[in-house]
PDB file of N, CA and C in Angstrom:
ATOM      1  N   MET A   1     -82.913 -85.905 -26.885  1.00  0.00           N
ATOM      2  CA  MET A   1     -83.037 -86.740 -25.703  1.00  0.00           C
ATOM      3  C   MET A   1     -82.622 -85.929 -24.480  1.00  0.00           C
ATOM      4  N   LYS A   2     -83.377 -86.102 -23.404  1.00  0.00           N
ATOM      5  CA  LYS A   2     -83.086 -85.378 -22.173  1.00  0.00           C
ATOM      6  C   LYS A   2     -82.017 -86.103 -21.359  1.00  0.00           C
ATOM      7  N   THR A   3     -81.310 -85.322 -20.556  1.00  0.00           N
ATOM      8  CA  THR A   3     -80.285 -85.849 -19.667  1.00  0.00           C
ATOM      9  C   THR A   3     -80.878 -86.030 -18.279  1.00  0.00           C
ATOM     10  N   ILE A   4     -80.578 -87.164 -17.641  1.00  0.00           N
ATOM     11  CA  ILE A   4     -81.048 -87.427 -16.282  1.00  0.00           C
ATOM     12  C   ILE A   4     -79.936 -87.057 -15.305  1.00  0.00           C
ATOM     13  N   VAL A   5     -80.267 -86.181 -14.353  1.00  0.00           N
ATOM     14  CA  VAL A   5     -79.317 -85.740 -13.324  1.00  0.00           C
ATOM     15  C   VAL A   5     -79.956 -86.027 -11.970  1.00  0.00           C
ATOM     16  N   MET A   6     -79.192 -86.625 -11.075  1.00  0.00           N
ATOM     17  CA  MET A   6     -79.703 -86.908  -9.724  1.00  0.00           C
ATOM     18  C   MET A   6     -79.111 -85.930  -8.729  1.00  0.00           C
ATOM     19  N   SER A   7     -79.954 -85.461  -7.826  1.00  0.00           N
ATOM     20  CA  SER A   7     -79.456 -84.634  -6.731  1.00  0.00           C
ATOM     21  C   SER A   7     -78.602 -85.513  -5.828  1.00  0.00           C
ATOM     22  N   PRO A   8     -77.720 -84.911  -5.029  1.00  0.00           N
ATOM     23  CA  PRO A   8     -76.896 -85.729  -4.123  1.00  0.00           C
ATOM     24  C   PRO A   8     -77.730 -86.600  -3.178  1.00  0.00           C
ATOM     25  N   ALA A   9     -78.832 -86.066  -2.673  1.00  0.00           N
ATOM     26  CA  ALA A   9     -79.684 -86.840  -1.765  1.00  0.00           C
ATOM     27  C   ALA A   9     -80.322 -88.025  -2.492  1.00  0.00           C
ATOM     28  N   ALA A  10     -80.807 -87.800  -3.702  1.00  0.00           N
ATOM     29  CA  ALA A  10     -81.424 -88.879  -4.476  1.00  0.00           C
ATOM     30  C   ALA A  10     -80.391 -89.937  -4.848  1.00  0.00           C
ATOM     31  N   ALA A  11     -79.187 -89.517  -5.206  1.00  0.00           N
ATOM     32  CA  ALA A  11     -78.130 -90.462  -5.575  1.00  0.00           C
ATOM     33  C   ALA A  11     -77.730 -91.329  -4.376  1.00  0.00           C
ATOM     34  N   LYS A  12     -77.711 -90.736  -3.198  1.00  0.00           N
ATOM     35  CA  LYS A  12     -77.344 -91.485  -1.992  1.00  0.00           C
ATOM     36  C   LYS A  12     -78.382 -92.575  -1.702  1.00  0.00           C
ATOM     37  N   VAL A  13     -79.658 -92.224  -1.795  1.00  0.00           N
ATOM     38  CA  VAL A  13     -80.722 -93.202  -1.568  1.00  0.00           C
ATOM     39  C   VAL A  13     -80.691 -94.268  -2.659  1.00  0.00           C
ATOM     40  N   PHE A  14     -80.528 -93.845  -3.905  1.00  0.00           N
ATOM     41  CA  PHE A  14     -80.488 -94.771  -5.048  1.00  0.00           C
ATOM     42  C   PHE A  14     -79.352 -95.782  -4.881  1.00  0.00           C
ATOM     43  N   ASP A  15     -78.193 -95.324  -4.456  1.00  0.00           N
ATOM     44  CA  ASP A  15     -77.043 -96.219  -4.270  1.00  0.00           C
ATOM     45  C   ASP A  15     -77.277 -97.239  -3.158  1.00  0.00           C
ATOM     46  N   GLY A  16     -78.126 -96.920  -2.205  1.00  0.00           N
ATOM     47  CA  GLY A  16     -78.407 -97.826  -1.101  1.00  0.00           C
ATOM     48  C   GLY A  16     -79.492 -98.850  -1.387  1.00  0.00           C
ATOM     49  N   LEU A  17     -80.156 -98.716  -2.526  1.00  0.00           N
ATOM     50  CA  LEU A  17     -81.217 -99.656  -2.881  1.00  0.00           C
ATOM     51  C   LEU A  17     -80.641-100.979  -3.385  1.00  0.00           C
ATOM     52  N   PRO A  18     -81.430-102.052  -3.304  1.00  0.00           N
ATOM     53  CA  PRO A  18     -80.989-103.322  -3.885  1.00  0.00           C
ATOM     54  C   PRO A  18     -80.781-103.187  -5.395  1.00  0.00           C
ATOM     55  N   THR A  19     -79.927-104.021  -5.947  1.00  0.00           N
ATOM     56  CA  THR A  19     -79.587-103.946  -7.372  1.00  0.00           C
ATOM     57  C   THR A  19     -80.821-104.081  -8.258  1.00  0.00           C
ATOM     58  N   ALA A  20     -81.728-104.962  -7.906  1.00  0.00           N
ATOM     59  CA  ALA A  20     -82.941-105.150  -8.711  1.00  0.00           C
ATOM     60  C   ALA A  20     -83.779-103.870  -8.749  1.00  0.00           C
ATOM     61  N   ALA A  21     -83.891-103.204  -7.626  1.00  0.00           N
ATOM     62  CA  ALA A  21     -84.648-101.954  -7.567  1.00  0.00           C
ATOM     63  C   ALA A  21     -83.950-100.865  -8.373  1.00  0.00           C
ATOM     64  N   GLN A  22     -82.617-100.800  -8.300  1.00  0.00           N
ATOM     65  CA  GLN A  22     -81.868 -99.821  -9.089  1.00  0.00           C
ATOM     66  C   GLN A  22     -82.105-100.042 -10.580  1.00  0.00           C
ATOM     67  N   GLN A  23     -82.085-101.294 -11.010  1.00  0.00           N
ATOM     68  CA  GLN A  23     -82.307-101.599 -12.425  1.00  0.00           C
ATOM     69  C   GLN A  23     -83.723-101.230 -12.846  1.00  0.00           C
ATOM     70  N   GLN A  24     -84.694-101.519 -11.987  1.00  0.00           N
ATOM     71  CA  GLN A  24     -86.085-101.206 -12.286  1.00  0.00           C
ATOM     72  C   GLN A  24     -86.287 -99.690 -12.421  1.00  0.00           C
ATOM     73  N   ILE A  25     -85.693 -98.921 -11.526  1.00  0.00           N
ATOM     74  CA  ILE A  25     -85.819 -97.462 -11.570  1.00  0.00           C
ATOM     75  C   ILE A  25     -85.104 -96.906 -12.793  1.00  0.00           C
ATOM     76  N   THR A  26     -83.922 -97.416 -13.091  1.00  0.00           N
ATOM     77  CA  THR A  26     -83.177 -96.955 -14.263  1.00  0.00           C
ATOM     78  C   THR A  26     -83.960 -97.234 -15.543  1.00  0.00           C
ATOM     79  N   MET A  27     -84.538 -98.424 -15.641  1.00  0.00           N
ATOM     80  CA  MET A  27     -85.326 -98.756 -16.833  1.00  0.00           C
ATOM     81  C   MET A  27     -86.557 -97.871 -16.948  1.00  0.00           C
ATOM     82  N   GLY A  28     -87.213 -97.586 -15.821  1.00  0.00           N
ATOM     83  CA  GLY A  28     -88.390 -96.719 -15.824  1.00  0.00           C
ATOM     84  C   GLY A  28     -88.054 -95.297 -16.253  1.00  0.00           C
ATOM     85  N   LEU A  29     -86.936 -94.761 -15.756  1.00  0.00           N
ATOM     86  CA  LEU A  29     -86.506 -93.420 -16.157  1.00  0.00           C
ATOM     87  C   LEU A  29     -86.122 -93.383 -17.634  1.00  0.00           C
ATOM     88  N   ASP A  30     -85.395 -94.401 -18.093  1.00  0.00           N
ATOM     89  CA  ASP A  30     -85.004 -94.458 -19.503  1.00  0.00           C
ATOM     90  C   ASP A  30     -86.226 -94.534 -20.415  1.00  0.00           C
ATOM     91  N   LEU A  31     -87.211 -95.326 -20.036  1.00  0.00           N
ATOM     92  CA  LEU A  31     -88.426 -95.458 -20.830  1.00  0.00           C
ATOM     93  C   LEU A  31     -89.155 -94.121 -20.921  1.00  0.00           C
ATOM     94  N   TYR A  32     -89.188 -93.390 -19.812  1.00  0.00           N
ATOM     95  CA  TYR A  32     -89.825 -92.074 -19.826  1.00  0.00           C
ATOM     96  C   TYR A  32     -89.045 -91.085 -20.693  1.00  0.00           C
ATOM     97  N   VAL A  33     -87.731 -91.081 -20.563  1.00  0.00           N
ATOM     98  CA  VAL A  33     -86.907 -90.139 -21.324  1.00  0.00           C
ATOM     99  C   VAL A  33     -86.989 -90.421 -22.821  1.00  0.00           C
ATOM    100  N   LEU A  34     -86.903 -91.676 -23.195  1.00  0.00           N
ATOM    101  CA  LEU A  34     -86.850 -92.029 -24.617  1.00  0.00           C
ATOM    102  C   LEU A  34     -88.210 -91.993 -25.304  1.00  0.00           C
ATOM    103  N   HIS A  35     -89.267 -92.442 -24.603  1.00  0.00           N
ATOM    104  CA  HIS A  35     -90.558 -92.606 -25.262  1.00  0.00           C
ATOM    105  C   HIS A  35     -91.698 -91.836 -24.607  1.00  0.00           C
ATOM    106  N   GLY A  36     -91.449 -91.209 -23.463  1.00  0.00           N
ATOM    107  CA  GLY A  36     -92.503 -90.474 -22.775  1.00  0.00           C
ATOM    108  C   GLY A  36     -93.534 -91.377 -22.114  1.00  0.00           C
ATOM    109  N   ILE A  37     -93.148 -92.629 -21.872  1.00  0.00           N
ATOM    110  CA  ILE A  37     -94.060 -93.607 -21.297  1.00  0.00           C
ATOM    111  C   ILE A  37     -93.765 -93.753 -19.804  1.00  0.00           C
ATOM    112  N   GLY A  38     -94.814 -93.756 -19.004  1.00  0.00           N
ATOM    113  CA  GLY A  38     -94.641 -93.958 -17.573  1.00  0.00           C
ATOM    114  C   GLY A  38     -95.845 -93.437 -16.819  1.00  0.00           C
ATOM    115  N   ASP A  39     -95.975 -93.831 -15.587  1.00  0.00           N
ATOM    116  CA  ASP A  39     -97.063 -93.377 -14.729  1.00  0.00           C
ATOM    117  C   ASP A  39     -96.609 -92.071 -14.073  1.00  0.00           C
ATOM    118  N   ILE A  40     -96.857 -90.967 -14.764  1.00  0.00           N
ATOM    119  CA  ILE A  40     -96.408 -89.634 -14.345  1.00  0.00           C
ATOM    120  C   ILE A  40     -97.603 -88.848 -13.814  1.00  0.00           C
ATOM    121  N   LYS A  41     -97.367 -88.127 -12.746  1.00  0.00           N
ATOM    122  CA  LYS A  41     -98.407 -87.282 -12.189  1.00  0.00           C
ATOM    123  C   LYS A  41     -97.765 -86.022 -11.625  1.00  0.00           C
ATOM    124  N   ARG A  42     -98.366 -84.867 -11.897  1.00  0.00           N
ATOM    125  CA  ARG A  42     -97.888 -83.611 -11.310  1.00  0.00           C
ATOM    126  C   ARG A  42     -98.311 -83.578  -9.850  1.00  0.00           C
ATOM    127  N   LEU A  43     -97.403 -83.196  -8.982  1.00  0.00           N
ATOM    128  CA  LEU A  43     -97.692 -83.153  -7.553  1.00  0.00           C
ATOM    129  C   LEU A  43     -98.420 -81.866  -7.195  1.00  0.00           C
ATOM    130  N   GLN A  44     -99.392 -81.978  -6.313  1.00  0.00           N
ATOM    131  CA  GLN A  44    -100.161 -80.813  -5.903  1.00  0.00           C
ATOM    132  C   GLN A  44     -99.311 -79.903  -5.037  1.00  0.00           C
ATOM    133  N   GLY A  45     -99.390 -78.625  -5.283  1.00  0.00           N
ATOM    134  CA  GLY A  45     -98.671 -77.647  -4.479  1.00  0.00           C
ATOM    135  C   GLY A  45     -97.194 -77.546  -4.792  1.00  0.00           C
ATOM    136  N   ARG A  46     -96.739 -78.248  -5.814  1.00  0.00           N
ATOM    137  CA  ARG A  46     -95.333 -78.226  -6.215  1.00  0.00           C
ATOM    138  C   ARG A  46     -95.244 -78.118  -7.731  1.00  0.00           C
ATOM    139  N   SER A  47     -94.066 -77.799  -8.198  1.00  0.00           N
ATOM    140  CA  SER A  47     -93.866 -77.753  -9.644  1.00  0.00           C
ATOM    141  C   SER A  47     -93.229 -79.038 -10.153  1.00  0.00           C
ATOM    142  N   SER A  48     -93.099 -80.037  -9.284  1.00  0.00           N
ATOM    143  CA  SER A  48     -92.419 -81.276  -9.657  1.00  0.00           C
ATOM    144  C   SER A  48     -93.425 -82.368 -10.017  1.00  0.00           C
ATOM    145  N   PHE A  49     -92.884 -83.475 -10.490  1.00  0.00           N
ATOM    146  CA  PHE A  49     -93.677 -84.609 -10.934  1.00  0.00           C
ATOM    147  C   PHE A  49     -93.287 -85.856 -10.155  1.00  0.00           C
ATOM    148  N   ARG A  50     -94.155 -86.872 -10.243  1.00  0.00           N
ATOM    149  CA  ARG A  50     -93.912 -88.164  -9.623  1.00  0.00           C
ATOM    150  C   ARG A  50     -93.946 -89.220 -10.718  1.00  0.00           C
ATOM    151  N   LEU A  51     -92.959 -90.092 -10.723  1.00  0.00           N
ATOM    152  CA  LEU A  51     -92.942 -91.252 -11.609  1.00  0.00           C
ATOM    153  C   LEU A  51     -93.081 -92.483 -10.722  1.00  0.00           C
ATOM    154  N   ARG A  52     -94.135 -93.256 -10.943  1.00  0.00           N
ATOM    155  CA  ARG A  52     -94.364 -94.455 -10.147  1.00  0.00           C
ATOM    156  C   ARG A  52     -93.747 -95.645 -10.864  1.00  0.00           C
ATOM    157  N   ILE A  53     -92.854 -96.345 -10.167  1.00  0.00           N
ATOM    158  CA  ILE A  53     -92.186 -97.521 -10.714  1.00  0.00           C
ATOM    159  C   ILE A  53     -92.311 -98.623  -9.668  1.00  0.00           C
ATOM    160  N   GLY A  54     -93.322 -99.453  -9.789  1.00  0.00           N
ATOM    161  CA  GLY A  54     -93.554-100.503  -8.799  1.00  0.00           C
ATOM    162  C   GLY A  54     -93.836 -99.898  -7.442  1.00  0.00           C
ATOM    163  N   ARG A  55     -93.080-100.320  -6.442  1.00  0.00           N
ATOM    164  CA  ARG A  55     -93.233 -99.789  -5.082  1.00  0.00           C
ATOM    165  C   ARG A  55     -92.481 -98.489  -4.884  1.00  0.00           C
ATOM    166  N   TYR A  56     -91.703 -98.080  -5.858  1.00  0.00           N
ATOM    167  CA  TYR A  56     -90.843 -96.909  -5.720  1.00  0.00           C
ATOM    168  C   TYR A  56     -91.448 -95.691  -6.408  1.00  0.00           C
ATOM    169  N   ARG A  57     -91.104 -94.538  -5.868  1.00  0.00           N
ATOM    170  CA  ARG A  57     -91.528 -93.263  -6.434  1.00  0.00           C
ATOM    171  C   ARG A  57     -90.286 -92.433  -6.701  1.00  0.00           C
ATOM    172  N   VAL A  58     -90.260 -91.796  -7.865  1.00  0.00           N
ATOM    173  CA  VAL A  58     -89.169 -90.911  -8.241  1.00  0.00           C
ATOM    174  C   VAL A  58     -89.779 -89.528  -8.406  1.00  0.00           C
ATOM    175  N   LEU A  59     -89.356 -88.584  -7.575  1.00  0.00           N
ATOM    176  CA  LEU A  59     -89.826 -87.208  -7.685  1.00  0.00           C
ATOM    177  C   LEU A  59     -88.805 -86.430  -8.493  1.00  0.00           C
ATOM    178  N   PHE A  60     -89.295 -85.676  -9.497  1.00  0.00           N
ATOM    179  CA  PHE A  60     -88.365 -84.986 -10.379  1.00  0.00           C
ATOM    180  C   PHE A  60     -88.960 -83.701 -10.933  1.00  0.00           C
ATOM    181  N   ASP A  61     -88.075 -82.827 -11.362  1.00  0.00           N
ATOM    182  CA  ASP A  61     -88.411 -81.630 -12.129  1.00  0.00           C
ATOM    183  C   ASP A  61     -87.827 -81.821 -13.505  1.00  0.00           C
ATOM    184  N   GLU A  62     -88.416 -81.180 -14.494  1.00  0.00           N
ATOM    185  CA  GLU A  62     -87.847 -81.288 -15.835  1.00  0.00           C
ATOM    186  C   GLU A  62     -87.981 -79.980 -16.591  1.00  0.00           C
ATOM    187  N   ASP A  63     -87.055 -79.776 -17.501  1.00  0.00           N
ATOM    188  CA  ASP A  63     -87.137 -78.674 -18.445  1.00  0.00           C
ATOM    189  C   ASP A  63     -86.904 -79.257 -19.838  1.00  0.00           C
ATOM    190  N   GLN A  64     -86.542 -78.435 -20.790  1.00  0.00           N
ATOM    191  CA  GLN A  64     -86.400 -78.899 -22.175  1.00  0.00           C
ATOM    192  C   GLN A  64     -85.275 -79.908 -22.364  1.00  0.00           C
ATOM    193  N   ILE A  65     -84.209 -79.841 -21.562  1.00  0.00           N
ATOM    194  CA  ILE A  65     -83.058 -80.708 -21.806  1.00  0.00           C
ATOM    195  C   ILE A  65     -82.657 -81.582 -20.622  1.00  0.00           C
ATOM    196  N   THR A  66     -83.237 -81.356 -19.443  1.00  0.00           N
ATOM    197  CA  THR A  66     -82.782 -82.051 -18.246  1.00  0.00           C
ATOM    198  C   THR A  66     -83.952 -82.561 -17.409  1.00  0.00           C
ATOM    199  N   ILE A  67     -83.768 -83.735 -16.834  1.00  0.00           N
ATOM    200  CA  ILE A  67     -84.662 -84.247 -15.802  1.00  0.00           C
ATOM    201  C   ILE A  67     -83.833 -84.311 -14.528  1.00  0.00           C
ATOM    202  N   LEU A  68     -84.234 -83.538 -13.529  1.00  0.00           N
ATOM    203  CA  LEU A  68     -83.527 -83.497 -12.252  1.00  0.00           C
ATOM    204  C   LEU A  68     -84.285 -84.354 -11.249  1.00  0.00           C
ATOM    205  N   VAL A  69     -83.703 -85.488 -10.880  1.00  0.00           N
ATOM    206  CA  VAL A  69     -84.305 -86.387  -9.894  1.00  0.00           C
ATOM    207  C   VAL A  69     -84.034 -85.801  -8.521  1.00  0.00           C
ATOM    208  N   ILE A  70     -85.108 -85.471  -7.805  1.00  0.00           N
ATOM    209  CA  ILE A  70     -85.002 -84.838  -6.498  1.00  0.00           C
ATOM    210  C   ILE A  70     -84.975 -85.869  -5.384  1.00  0.00           C
ATOM    211  N   GLN A  71     -85.813 -86.901  -5.510  1.00  0.00           N
ATOM    212  CA  GLN A  71     -85.930 -87.884  -4.440  1.00  0.00           C
ATOM    213  C   GLN A  71     -86.348 -89.226  -5.013  1.00  0.00           C
ATOM    214  N   VAL A  72     -85.835 -90.294  -4.412  1.00  0.00           N
ATOM    215  CA  VAL A  72     -86.189 -91.664  -4.757  1.00  0.00           C
ATOM    216  C   VAL A  72     -86.543 -92.372  -3.465  1.00  0.00           C
ATOM    217  N   GLY A  73     -87.656 -93.096  -3.447  1.00  0.00           N
ATOM    218  CA  GLY A  73     -88.007 -93.810  -2.230  1.00  0.00           C
ATOM    219  C   GLY A  73     -89.200 -94.710  -2.425  1.00  0.00           C
ATOM    220  N   LYS A  74     -89.460 -95.545  -1.427  1.00  0.00           N
ATOM    221  CA  LYS A  74     -90.632 -96.409  -1.438  1.00  0.00           C
ATOM    222  C   LYS A  74     -91.866 -95.591  -1.099  1.00  0.00           C
ATOM    223  N   ARG A  75     -92.971 -95.998  -1.605  1.00  0.00           N
ATOM    224  CA  ARG A  75     -94.229 -95.327  -1.332  1.00  0.00           C
ATOM    225  C   ARG A  75     -94.572 -95.401   0.152  1.00  0.00           C
ATOM    226  N   GLU A  76     -94.208 -96.499   0.799  1.00  0.00           N
ATOM    227  CA  GLU A  76     -94.567 -96.700   2.200  1.00  0.00           C
ATOM    228  C   GLU A  76     -93.816 -95.776   3.151  1.00  0.00           C
ATOM    229  N   THR A  77     -92.747 -95.131   2.692  1.00  0.00           N
ATOM    230  CA  THR A  77     -91.940 -94.272   3.557  1.00  0.00           C
ATOM    231  C   THR A  77     -92.381 -92.820   3.400  1.00  0.00           C
ATOM    232  N   THR A  78     -91.537 -91.919   3.797  1.00  0.00           N
ATOM    233  CA  THR A  78     -91.857 -90.492   3.763  1.00  0.00           C
ATOM    234  C   THR A  78     -91.427 -89.848   2.453  1.00  0.00           C
ATOM    235  N   THR A  79     -91.712 -90.478   1.347  1.00  0.00           N
ATOM    236  CA  THR A  79     -91.291 -89.986   0.051  1.00  0.00           C
ATOM    237  C   THR A  79     -91.862 -88.608  -0.273  1.00  0.00           C
ATOM    238  N   TYR A  80     -93.101 -88.374   0.078  1.00  0.00           N
ATOM    239  CA  TYR A  80     -93.772 -87.138  -0.331  1.00  0.00           C
ATOM    240  C   TYR A  80     -93.608 -85.985   0.651  1.00  0.00           C
ATOM    241  N   ARG A  81     -92.871 -86.150   1.727  1.00  0.00           N
ATOM    242  CA  ARG A  81     -92.707 -85.068   2.716  1.00  0.00           C
ATOM    243  C   ARG A  81     -91.537 -84.190   2.374  1.00  0.00           C
TER     244      ARG A  81
END
C-alpha cells in the first residue's frame, strides 16, 4: 500500500476546506491507493497526475511507495496554474 503525503501548500488548502469536502477527498484518495480506482489523468507538459473528485481536483506525483499531493483545489479556480 502506498503512503499519501501532502505538501505544505496542499495541506493548508485542504485544512481550509469544508469538512464534507475533506471527507470526499480523503475517500477518493483512499479508494485510489487501495484499489487503483478513480478518474486519473496525466497532465500535459508535466510528470504529475490529476485525480478528479466531484468539483475538486487533486494534483499529485507518485512513485512505488508514495503519493505526493502537490495541490488541492476546485476546478473553477486556478488549480492547474
